[in-house]
Protein backbone atom coordinates (compact mmCIF):
# COMPACT_ATOMS: atom_id res chain seq x y z
CA UNK A 1 17.64 7.57 1.33
CA UNK A 2 14.19 7.33 -1.16
CA UNK A 3 11.14 5.40 0.23
CA UNK A 4 11.51 3.22 -1.99
CA UNK A 5 15.34 1.95 -1.12
CA UNK A 6 14.47 2.29 2.40
CA UNK A 7 11.46 -0.24 1.79
CA UNK A 8 13.69 -2.71 0.32
CA UNK A 9 16.37 -2.61 3.06
CA UNK A 10 13.80 -3.52 5.00
CA UNK A 11 12.52 -6.18 3.52
CA UNK A 12 16.23 -7.94 3.26
CA UNK A 13 16.71 -7.21 6.82
CA UNK A 14 13.47 -9.46 7.21
CA UNK A 15 14.31 -12.04 5.41
CA UNK A 16 17.73 -12.40 6.47
CA UNK A 17 15.91 -12.51 10.18
CA UNK A 18 13.49 -15.25 9.34
CA UNK A 19 15.70 -17.32 7.59
CA UNK A 20 18.56 -17.33 10.37
CA UNK A 21 17.45 -15.38 13.42
CA UNK A 22 14.95 -17.28 15.53
CA UNK A 23 14.37 -17.41 19.20
CA UNK A 24 16.01 -21.09 19.45
CA UNK A 25 19.19 -19.52 18.39
CA UNK A 26 19.23 -16.40 20.87
CA UNK A 27 18.31 -18.83 23.91
CA UNK A 28 21.56 -21.27 22.13
CA UNK A 29 23.72 -18.62 22.31
CA UNK A 30 23.30 -16.53 26.02
CA UNK A 31 25.32 -16.74 28.55
CA UNK A 32 28.34 -18.36 26.20
CA UNK A 33 31.50 -16.83 26.19
CA UNK A 34 31.13 -16.12 22.47
CA UNK A 35 28.33 -14.40 22.89
CA UNK A 36 27.30 -14.61 18.83
CA UNK A 37 27.78 -16.27 15.68
CA UNK A 38 31.08 -15.00 13.97
CA UNK A 39 29.85 -16.22 10.47
CA UNK A 40 26.54 -14.39 11.13
CA UNK A 41 28.35 -11.22 11.44
CA UNK A 42 29.76 -12.24 8.29
CA UNK A 43 26.93 -12.43 6.57
CA UNK A 44 25.17 -9.20 7.98
CA UNK A 45 28.70 -7.58 6.20
CA UNK A 46 27.97 -9.02 2.91
CA UNK A 47 25.04 -7.69 2.49
CA UNK A 48 26.34 -4.22 3.20
CA UNK A 49 24.76 -3.49 6.54
CA UNK A 50 27.97 -3.51 8.83
CA UNK A 51 29.19 -0.43 6.52
CA UNK A 52 26.23 1.89 6.30
CA UNK A 53 27.38 4.25 8.65
CA UNK A 54 31.26 4.20 7.45
CA UNK A 55 31.79 6.37 4.24
CA UNK A 56 32.41 4.96 0.99
CA UNK A 57 35.59 6.39 0.72
CA UNK A 58 37.27 3.94 3.53
CA UNK A 59 35.24 0.62 2.39
CA UNK A 60 31.28 1.77 3.65
CA UNK A 61 28.49 2.79 2.18
CA UNK A 62 28.33 6.22 3.50
CA UNK A 63 24.53 6.14 4.06
CA UNK A 64 22.83 7.67 6.77
CA UNK A 65 21.73 7.61 10.29
CA UNK A 66 18.26 6.11 9.45
CA UNK A 67 19.33 3.16 6.96
CA UNK A 68 21.00 1.97 10.05
CA UNK A 69 18.41 2.49 12.47
CA UNK A 70 16.42 -0.11 9.58
CA UNK A 71 18.76 -2.94 10.53
CA UNK A 72 18.92 -2.06 14.13
CA UNK A 73 15.44 -2.02 14.08
CA UNK A 74 14.73 -5.79 12.80
CA UNK A 75 17.96 -7.03 14.63
CA UNK A 76 16.01 -5.41 17.95
CA UNK A 77 12.26 -7.32 16.97
CA UNK A 78 15.16 -10.69 16.93
CA UNK A 79 16.68 -10.35 20.01
CA UNK A 80 19.74 -10.88 17.51
CA UNK A 81 22.97 -10.93 19.86
CA UNK A 82 25.18 -9.35 17.26
CA UNK A 83 27.18 -6.18 18.59
CA UNK A 84 25.33 -4.12 15.54
CA UNK A 85 25.08 -0.96 17.31
CA UNK A 86 27.84 -1.25 19.59
CA UNK A 87 30.49 -2.23 16.70
CA UNK A 88 29.64 -1.45 13.37
CA UNK A 89 28.14 2.30 14.94
CA UNK A 90 29.92 2.94 17.85
CA UNK A 91 33.35 2.24 17.59
CA UNK A 92 33.11 2.75 13.62
CA UNK A 93 31.79 6.10 14.29
CA UNK A 94 34.05 7.21 16.28
CA UNK A 95 37.02 6.09 14.20
CA UNK A 96 35.80 7.46 11.23
CA UNK A 97 35.44 11.23 12.67
CA UNK A 98 39.12 11.04 13.89
CA UNK A 99 41.87 12.81 12.06
CA UNK A 100 44.26 9.60 11.11
CA UNK A 101 43.74 9.16 7.71
CA UNK A 102 45.63 6.02 8.03
CA UNK A 103 44.11 4.44 10.40
CA UNK A 104 40.69 5.17 8.86
CA UNK A 105 42.11 3.58 5.42
CA UNK A 106 43.47 0.40 7.78
CA UNK A 107 40.58 -0.29 10.11
CA UNK A 108 37.18 0.70 8.88
CA UNK A 109 37.39 -1.21 5.69
CA UNK A 110 38.04 -4.23 7.88
CA UNK A 111 34.91 -3.39 10.10
CA UNK A 112 33.29 -3.32 6.65
CA UNK A 113 33.75 -6.07 5.78
CA UNK A 114 33.06 -8.01 8.65
CA UNK A 115 37.17 -9.00 9.24
CA UNK A 116 37.49 -7.13 12.22
CA UNK A 117 35.58 -5.83 15.14
CA UNK A 118 36.03 -3.05 16.87
CA UNK A 119 34.76 -2.23 20.38
CA UNK A 120 34.50 1.56 22.35
CA UNK A 121 36.16 1.49 25.57
CA UNK A 122 34.92 4.55 27.25
CA UNK A 123 33.01 4.45 30.52
CA UNK A 124 34.36 4.10 33.90
CA UNK A 125 31.76 4.88 36.21
CA UNK A 126 28.05 4.36 36.38
CA UNK A 127 25.55 6.96 34.96
CA UNK A 128 28.24 8.86 32.66
CA UNK A 129 27.15 10.22 29.62
CA UNK A 130 30.29 12.21 28.17
CA UNK A 131 33.53 12.28 28.79
CA UNK A 132 34.13 14.68 31.89
CA UNK A 133 34.47 11.20 34.13
CA UNK A 134 37.14 9.66 32.04
CA UNK A 135 40.32 8.93 34.43
CA UNK A 136 42.38 6.42 32.60
CA UNK A 137 46.05 8.06 31.96
CA UNK A 138 47.67 8.07 28.68
CA UNK A 139 51.52 8.83 29.12
CA UNK A 140 53.43 10.09 26.31
CA UNK A 141 56.36 8.20 25.35
CA UNK A 142 58.85 8.44 22.18
CA UNK A 143 56.50 6.07 20.44
CA UNK A 144 53.07 6.77 21.35
CA UNK A 145 51.53 6.62 24.78
CA UNK A 146 50.96 3.64 27.54
CA UNK A 147 47.45 3.43 29.33
CA UNK A 148 46.66 2.74 32.22
CA UNK A 149 43.26 2.27 33.78
CA UNK A 150 39.89 0.09 33.63
CA UNK A 151 37.37 0.69 31.23
CA UNK A 152 33.94 -0.42 32.18
CA UNK A 153 30.29 -1.55 30.37
CA UNK A 154 32.12 -2.41 27.31
CA UNK A 155 29.48 -3.84 25.16
CA UNK A 156 30.63 -5.84 21.75
CA UNK A 157 33.83 -6.77 24.32
CA UNK A 158 33.35 -10.16 24.07
CA UNK A 159 33.99 -10.57 20.12
CA UNK A 160 36.02 -7.78 19.91
CA UNK A 161 39.72 -7.62 17.84
CA UNK A 162 40.50 -4.03 19.08
CA UNK A 163 39.46 -1.44 21.47
CA UNK A 164 39.02 2.15 20.90
CA UNK A 165 40.17 3.43 24.06
CA UNK A 166 39.55 7.08 25.42
CA UNK A 167 41.90 7.85 28.04
CA UNK A 168 43.49 11.59 29.57
CA UNK A 169 46.92 12.51 29.32
CA UNK A 170 48.06 16.11 30.79
CA UNK A 171 47.23 17.58 27.08
CA UNK A 172 43.47 16.98 27.31
CA UNK A 173 41.65 13.28 25.53
CA UNK A 174 43.45 10.70 23.91
CA UNK A 175 41.27 8.27 21.56
CA UNK A 176 43.31 5.04 20.43
CA UNK A 177 42.71 1.71 19.10
CA UNK A 178 44.69 -0.88 21.56
CA UNK A 179 44.88 -4.80 19.76
CA UNK A 180 42.79 -7.26 22.00
CA UNK A 181 46.27 -9.37 22.69
CA UNK A 182 48.14 -6.65 23.12
CA UNK A 183 50.60 -6.59 26.54
CA UNK A 184 49.05 -5.47 29.30
CA UNK A 185 45.44 -5.54 28.07
CA UNK A 186 43.33 -8.51 29.93
CA UNK A 187 39.63 -8.54 29.63
CA UNK A 188 36.81 -9.64 32.18
CA UNK A 189 33.35 -10.77 31.25
CA UNK A 190 29.92 -9.70 33.06
CA UNK A 191 27.21 -11.13 31.97
CA UNK A 192 24.00 -8.90 31.91
CA UNK A 193 20.21 -9.87 32.20
CA UNK A 194 20.32 -10.65 28.49
CA UNK A 195 22.64 -13.29 28.74
CA UNK A 196 24.89 -11.01 26.54
CA UNK A 197 28.05 -9.87 28.12
CA UNK A 198 29.59 -6.14 29.14
CA UNK A 199 33.70 -6.46 29.28
CA UNK A 200 35.64 -4.70 31.51
CA UNK A 201 38.86 -3.43 29.81
CA UNK A 202 42.21 -3.55 32.27
CA UNK A 203 44.69 -1.63 31.02
CA UNK A 204 48.62 -1.97 33.02
CA UNK A 205 51.11 0.53 30.34
CA UNK A 206 49.55 -0.78 27.65
CA UNK A 207 50.76 0.58 24.22
CA UNK A 208 49.19 3.08 21.81
CA UNK A 209 52.05 3.19 19.49
CA UNK A 210 51.55 6.59 17.26
CA UNK A 211 50.30 5.44 14.15
CA UNK A 212 47.02 3.96 16.05
CA UNK A 213 46.51 7.48 17.75
CA UNK A 214 43.04 8.23 16.34
CA UNK A 215 42.80 11.18 17.74
CA UNK A 216 44.02 13.85 20.79
CA UNK A 217 42.49 17.42 22.49
CA UNK A 218 39.48 18.52 21.22
CA UNK A 219 39.34 16.24 18.56
CA UNK A 220 39.20 13.02 20.37
CA UNK A 221 35.94 14.86 22.53
CA UNK A 222 34.44 15.49 19.46
CA UNK A 223 34.76 12.64 17.86
CA UNK A 224 34.07 10.40 21.16
CA UNK A 225 30.70 12.69 21.24
CA UNK A 226 29.44 12.48 18.03
CA UNK A 227 29.78 8.62 18.41
CA UNK A 228 28.05 8.92 22.01
CA UNK A 229 24.98 10.22 20.56
CA UNK A 230 24.82 8.39 17.30
CA UNK A 231 25.05 4.95 18.76
CA UNK A 232 21.98 6.39 21.36
CA UNK A 233 20.20 6.99 18.50
CA UNK A 234 20.31 3.61 16.89
CA UNK A 235 20.55 1.80 20.29
CA UNK A 236 16.77 3.90 20.48
CA UNK A 237 15.83 2.06 17.07
CA UNK A 238 17.02 -1.25 18.51
CA UNK A 239 14.68 -0.43 21.53
CA UNK A 240 11.72 0.07 19.16
CA UNK A 241 11.82 -2.88 17.74
CA UNK A 242 11.81 -4.50 20.82
CA UNK A 243 8.73 -2.55 22.20
CA UNK A 244 7.16 -3.25 18.80
CA UNK A 245 7.83 -7.26 18.70
CA UNK A 246 6.38 -7.14 22.75
CA UNK A 247 3.37 -5.63 21.69
CA UNK A 248 2.61 -7.27 18.97
CA UNK A 249 3.31 -10.73 21.19
CA UNK A 250 0.75 -9.39 23.43
CA UNK A 251 -1.99 -8.75 21.22
CA UNK A 252 -1.78 -11.82 19.44
CA UNK A 253 -2.35 -13.00 22.67
CA UNK A 254 -5.00 -11.39 24.12
CA UNK A 255 -6.53 -12.15 21.12
CA UNK A 256 -6.41 -16.35 21.37
CA UNK A 257 -6.39 -16.25 24.94
CA UNK A 258 -9.85 -17.20 26.54
CA UNK A 259 -11.00 -16.89 29.44
CA UNK A 260 -14.69 -16.86 30.84
CA UNK A 261 -15.44 -18.35 27.20
CA UNK A 262 -14.33 -15.67 25.51
CA UNK A 263 -11.06 -13.65 24.43
CA UNK A 264 -9.35 -11.88 27.27
CA UNK A 265 -9.25 -9.34 24.32
CA UNK A 266 -12.89 -8.61 24.68
CA UNK A 267 -12.24 -7.46 27.94
CA UNK A 268 -12.41 -3.44 28.20
CA UNK A 269 -9.57 -2.59 31.00
CA UNK A 270 -7.05 -5.13 28.87
CA UNK A 271 -8.44 -3.26 25.91
CA UNK A 272 -7.60 0.30 27.42
CA UNK A 273 -4.25 -1.16 28.69
CA UNK A 274 -2.95 -2.22 25.04
CA UNK A 275 -4.11 1.26 23.56
CA UNK A 276 -1.93 3.03 26.21
CA UNK A 277 0.59 1.18 25.32
CA UNK A 278 0.25 1.55 21.48
CA UNK A 279 0.37 5.31 22.01
CA UNK A 280 3.76 4.59 23.79
CA UNK A 281 5.28 2.85 21.08
CA UNK A 282 3.59 5.53 18.26
CA UNK A 283 4.73 8.15 20.51
CA UNK A 284 7.94 6.83 20.03
CA UNK A 285 8.20 5.81 16.21
CA UNK A 286 7.28 9.50 15.90
CA UNK A 287 10.39 10.96 17.57
CA UNK A 288 12.52 8.57 16.11
CA UNK A 289 11.93 9.07 12.58
CA UNK A 290 11.59 12.93 13.35
CA UNK A 291 15.31 12.47 15.03
CA UNK A 292 16.31 10.20 12.23
CA UNK A 293 16.21 12.74 9.93
CA UNK A 294 17.45 15.64 11.84
CA UNK A 295 20.97 13.86 13.17
CA UNK A 296 21.35 13.41 9.27
CA UNK A 297 21.36 16.76 8.73
CA UNK A 298 24.73 16.43 10.54
CA UNK A 299 23.26 19.51 13.27
CA UNK A 300 25.89 21.12 15.72
CA UNK A 301 26.97 19.23 18.74
CA UNK A 302 25.06 20.94 21.47
CA UNK A 303 21.80 20.63 19.15
CA UNK A 304 22.64 16.66 18.41
CA UNK A 305 23.09 16.13 21.66
CA UNK A 306 19.61 17.45 22.46
CA UNK A 307 18.11 15.51 19.97
CA UNK A 308 19.68 12.34 21.07
CA UNK A 309 19.02 12.52 24.46
CA UNK A 310 15.31 13.29 23.21
CA UNK A 311 15.03 10.08 20.95
CA UNK A 312 17.33 7.83 24.12
CA UNK A 313 15.14 9.11 26.62
CA UNK A 314 11.35 8.40 24.82
CA UNK A 315 12.62 5.07 23.11
CA UNK A 316 14.06 4.09 26.67
CA UNK A 317 10.81 4.53 28.90
CA UNK A 318 8.32 3.40 26.06
CA UNK A 319 10.49 0.13 25.78
CA UNK A 320 10.56 -0.80 29.43
CA UNK A 321 7.18 0.22 30.10
CA UNK A 322 5.81 -2.13 26.73
CA UNK A 323 7.49 -4.83 27.76
CA UNK A 324 6.85 -5.05 31.72
CA UNK A 325 2.91 -4.82 30.73
CA UNK A 326 3.87 -7.64 28.20
CA UNK A 327 4.66 -10.16 31.11
CA UNK A 328 1.64 -8.62 32.93
CA UNK A 329 -0.69 -9.36 30.31
CA UNK A 330 0.98 -13.02 29.45
CA UNK A 331 -0.43 -13.65 33.10
CA UNK A 332 1.72 -16.83 34.84
CA UNK A 333 3.68 -17.94 31.69
CA UNK A 334 4.83 -14.61 31.41
CA UNK A 335 6.56 -14.91 34.32
CA UNK A 336 8.41 -17.82 32.96
CA UNK A 337 12.31 -18.28 31.13
CA UNK A 338 10.58 -20.63 28.94
CA UNK A 339 8.05 -17.96 27.17
CA UNK A 340 9.84 -15.35 24.65
CA UNK A 341 8.15 -12.32 26.65
CA UNK A 342 10.74 -12.38 29.80
CA UNK A 343 13.43 -12.05 26.93
CA UNK A 344 12.05 -8.93 25.44
CA UNK A 345 11.77 -7.27 29.04
CA UNK A 346 15.20 -8.15 29.55
CA UNK A 347 16.84 -6.69 26.54
CA UNK A 348 14.95 -3.84 27.05
CA UNK A 349 16.23 -3.28 30.09
CA UNK A 350 19.67 -3.72 29.15
CA UNK A 351 19.55 -1.46 25.62
CA UNK A 352 17.31 1.00 28.25
CA UNK A 353 20.37 1.51 30.84
CA UNK A 354 23.30 1.28 28.03
CA UNK A 355 24.73 4.91 27.30
CA UNK A 356 22.17 6.40 29.82
CA UNK A 357 19.03 5.99 30.60
CA UNK A 358 15.37 8.24 30.35
CA UNK A 359 16.19 9.91 33.64
CA UNK A 360 19.80 10.70 32.71
CA UNK A 361 18.82 11.83 29.10
CA UNK A 362 15.75 14.06 30.15
CA UNK A 363 18.31 15.64 32.69
CA UNK A 364 21.19 16.23 30.34
CA UNK A 365 18.26 17.36 27.77
CA UNK A 366 17.20 19.99 30.23
CA UNK A 367 20.51 21.01 30.86
CA UNK A 368 21.26 21.84 27.33
CA UNK A 369 17.85 23.24 26.75
CA UNK A 370 18.93 25.79 29.24
CA UNK A 371 22.38 26.45 27.96
CA UNK A 372 20.55 27.40 24.84
CA UNK A 373 18.40 29.98 26.39
CA UNK A 374 21.31 31.56 28.30
């Protein structure tokens, strides 16, 4: 995207957030079962944001991760509860990379238009970064598959109309779309630190009809891996938005809080701390820009995974450090629930852990590097 177009998109995101996404709204929606406002989701669709990662042939804009990251960063700055990364990037990317043309023609335009919300239900164990730990069973029958098992940590589950489920058959991985109200499907929501929810999806002989099978075997594994790497990159952009706003709040506070007759920002110890945090933010910014450009070039799977892990590790660690330090810089008020700094820390902790934390991605990066050298 030319720089002027990127600037226009960034301005559009900032304007939308300024007009309708204040922290009071975040506080009102947290810990509620609905989690976010469906009307706001449709407004995001009207702006084209939900279709950024969807090809034009399926009603989307056919743009790259660099553009999706602009939206995610803005939403991160505002702590917007809408599951943009989980639904408009992760689930949509899994469907878009599938080989069921009819399913893509049916579902992707509805996702781009905000008419249908899909969430990816793949993970079963904490710490999993790929399909290697999937144990849910897909048993074939004449009309498709019957799926049994439990999917945990499903982000965006609270408002999802359907789930993109990953299960394993004797012939390999199966990826398909299961409706929320289908027989044998039940959902339990677990509150997480930032006031949103992860879902646990229980599947008891839930029917996956043939026309809803997105991909099987190697194609299913490739679609899932690509979706997870892309979502890790956009979650990193969201983390960058969170850390940037938290750092701005801290610097502003240092300029206005007075102790011993002078602003605390004049104290050398706090100046050094702020500079350290700024360096972490700038390192994250550089890695984010470089990684998004590389990922938009669609590198081969191993290279893509390494880029995604490098980025997620850097942004996860930086966001957690900056938001924790923000609490300290704000002193006693930083520890109160009424002050917004704590909300940024909670969001950073959730996003940093989702799809793998910094330590997990550093291990994956190291493993990929060794394989590349072999």
